[in-house]
């Protein structure tokens, strides 16, 4: 059995340098790995601000949690990749 600290380390080691893992979804959270540069994009910042206003910074997943529809997140990241 892997303890919680070691499990967290294993998950974070699966994130390539220059990227960050985020958990997205309203009920069931899905893990996405996105470039850190997205965190500075105005559209992504808007999404983070909405999540903060609605849910604060309590992230039970142990990482950045964005409680929006998965489809909306995928559409946003597709736009960011194209820009």
C-alpha atoms as a PDB file:
ATOM      1  CA  UNK A   1       0.000   0.000   0.000  1.00  0.00           C
ATOM      2  CA  UNK A   2       1.330   3.449  -0.941  1.00  0.00           C
ATOM      3  CA  UNK A   3       0.960   6.143   1.709  1.00  0.00           C
ATOM      4  CA  UNK A   4      -0.751   9.446   0.828  1.00  0.00           C
ATOM      5  CA  UNK A   5       2.476  11.469   0.671  1.00  0.00           C
ATOM      6  CA  UNK A   6       4.153   8.997  -1.642  1.00  0.00           C
ATOM      7  CA  UNK A   7       1.019   8.749  -3.807  1.00  0.00           C
ATOM      8  CA  UNK A   8       0.966  12.534  -4.188  1.00  0.00           C
ATOM      9  CA  UNK A   9       4.631  12.466  -5.217  1.00  0.00           C
ATOM     10  CA  UNK A  10       3.925   9.757  -7.794  1.00  0.00           C
ATOM     11  CA  UNK A  11       1.080  11.775  -9.320  1.00  0.00           C
ATOM     12  CA  UNK A  12       3.118  14.973  -9.479  1.00  0.00           C
ATOM     13  CA  UNK A  13       6.001  13.140 -11.130  1.00  0.00           C
ATOM     14  CA  UNK A  14       3.671  12.347 -14.039  1.00  0.00           C
ATOM     15  CA  UNK A  15       3.448  16.048 -14.863  1.00  0.00           C
ATOM     16  CA  UNK A  16       6.027  17.158 -17.435  1.00  0.00           C
ATOM     17  CA  UNK A  17       8.199  20.160 -16.666  1.00  0.00           C
ATOM     18  CA  UNK A  18       6.411  23.377 -17.590  1.00  0.00           C
ATOM     19  CA  UNK A  19       2.959  21.893 -16.995  1.00  0.00           C
ATOM     20  CA  UNK A  20       0.465  21.726 -14.145  1.00  0.00           C
ATOM     21  CA  UNK A  21      -2.227  19.185 -13.267  1.00  0.00           C
ATOM     22  CA  UNK A  22      -5.758  20.491 -12.790  1.00  0.00           C
ATOM     23  CA  UNK A  23      -8.893  18.631 -11.778  1.00  0.00           C
ATOM     24  CA  UNK A  24     -11.982  19.531 -13.774  1.00  0.00           C
ATOM     25  CA  UNK A  25     -15.626  18.603 -13.424  1.00  0.00           C
ATOM     26  CA  UNK A  26     -18.782  19.385 -11.543  1.00  0.00           C
ATOM     27  CA  UNK A  27     -19.419  16.091  -9.759  1.00  0.00           C
ATOM     28  CA  UNK A  28     -16.691  13.710 -10.832  1.00  0.00           C
ATOM     29  CA  UNK A  29     -13.291  15.333 -11.311  1.00  0.00           C
ATOM     30  CA  UNK A  30     -11.031  14.417 -14.225  1.00  0.00           C
ATOM     31  CA  UNK A  31      -7.320  15.199 -14.209  1.00  0.00           C
ATOM     32  CA  UNK A  32      -5.878  17.292 -17.049  1.00  0.00           C
ATOM     33  CA  UNK A  33      -2.273  18.353 -17.555  1.00  0.00           C
ATOM     34  CA  UNK A  34      -1.930  21.791 -19.144  1.00  0.00           C
ATOM     35  CA  UNK A  35       1.008  24.088 -19.902  1.00  0.00           C
ATOM     36  CA  UNK A  36       1.812  26.555 -17.124  1.00  0.00           C
ATOM     37  CA  UNK A  37       1.531  29.346 -19.708  1.00  0.00           C
ATOM     38  CA  UNK A  38      -2.255  28.846 -19.673  1.00  0.00           C
ATOM     39  CA  UNK A  39      -2.308  30.225 -16.128  1.00  0.00           C
ATOM     40  CA  UNK A  40      -1.404  33.664 -17.517  1.00  0.00           C
ATOM     41  CA  UNK A  41      -3.957  33.680 -20.343  1.00  0.00           C
ATOM     42  CA  UNK A  42      -6.924  36.053 -19.768  1.00  0.00           C
ATOM     43  CA  UNK A  43      -9.537  33.374 -20.599  1.00  0.00           C
ATOM     44  CA  UNK A  44      -7.982  30.900 -18.175  1.00  0.00           C
ATOM     45  CA  UNK A  45      -7.651  33.606 -15.510  1.00  0.00           C
ATOM     46  CA  UNK A  46     -11.371  34.376 -15.909  1.00  0.00           C
ATOM     47  CA  UNK A  47     -12.182  30.702 -15.369  1.00  0.00           C
ATOM     48  CA  UNK A  48      -9.974  30.579 -12.259  1.00  0.00           C
ATOM     49  CA  UNK A  49     -11.561  33.759 -10.874  1.00  0.00           C
ATOM     50  CA  UNK A  50     -15.055  32.330 -11.311  1.00  0.00           C
ATOM     51  CA  UNK A  51     -13.986  29.104  -9.579  1.00  0.00           C
ATOM     52  CA  UNK A  52     -12.426  31.112  -6.726  1.00  0.00           C
ATOM     53  CA  UNK A  53     -15.525  33.278  -6.243  1.00  0.00           C
ATOM     54  CA  UNK A  54     -17.819  30.297  -6.263  1.00  0.00           C
ATOM     55  CA  UNK A  55     -15.754  27.764  -4.325  1.00  0.00           C
ATOM     56  CA  UNK A  56     -12.804  29.545  -2.703  1.00  0.00           C
ATOM     57  CA  UNK A  57      -9.462  27.827  -2.386  1.00  0.00           C
ATOM     58  CA  UNK A  58     -10.603  24.631  -0.674  1.00  0.00           C
ATOM     59  CA  UNK A  59      -9.250  21.960  -3.025  1.00  0.00           C
ATOM     60  CA  UNK A  60     -10.031  18.496  -1.655  1.00  0.00           C
ATOM     61  CA  UNK A  61      -8.232  16.850  -4.586  1.00  0.00           C
ATOM     62  CA  UNK A  62      -4.935  18.265  -3.335  1.00  0.00           C
ATOM     63  CA  UNK A  63      -4.426  20.287  -6.497  1.00  0.00           C
ATOM     64  CA  UNK A  64      -5.994  23.018  -8.542  1.00  0.00           C
ATOM     65  CA  UNK A  65      -9.691  22.153  -8.890  1.00  0.00           C
ATOM     66  CA  UNK A  66     -11.895  23.829 -11.493  1.00  0.00           C
ATOM     67  CA  UNK A  67     -15.571  22.966 -10.960  1.00  0.00           C
ATOM     68  CA  UNK A  68     -16.855  23.531 -14.494  1.00  0.00           C
ATOM     69  CA  UNK A  69     -18.202  21.253 -17.192  1.00  0.00           C
ATOM     70  CA  UNK A  70     -15.518  19.132 -18.766  1.00  0.00           C
ATOM     71  CA  UNK A  71     -16.684  20.138 -22.266  1.00  0.00           C
ATOM     72  CA  UNK A  72     -16.325  23.833 -21.420  1.00  0.00           C
ATOM     73  CA  UNK A  73     -12.771  23.261 -20.156  1.00  0.00           C
ATOM     74  CA  UNK A  74     -11.830  21.276 -23.256  1.00  0.00           C
ATOM     75  CA  UNK A  75     -13.265  24.023 -25.487  1.00  0.00           C
ATOM     76  CA  UNK A  76     -11.252  26.644 -23.591  1.00  0.00           C
ATOM     77  CA  UNK A  77      -7.979  24.720 -23.816  1.00  0.00           C
ATOM     78  CA  UNK A  78      -8.600  24.082 -27.518  1.00  0.00           C
ATOM     79  CA  UNK A  79      -8.936  27.866 -28.028  1.00  0.00           C
ATOM     80  CA  UNK A  80      -5.763  28.486 -26.056  1.00  0.00           C
ATOM     81  CA  UNK A  81      -3.809  25.972 -28.113  1.00  0.00           C
ATOM     82  CA  UNK A  82      -4.998  27.645 -31.326  1.00  0.00           C
ATOM     83  CA  UNK A  83      -3.977  31.140 -30.191  1.00  0.00           C
END
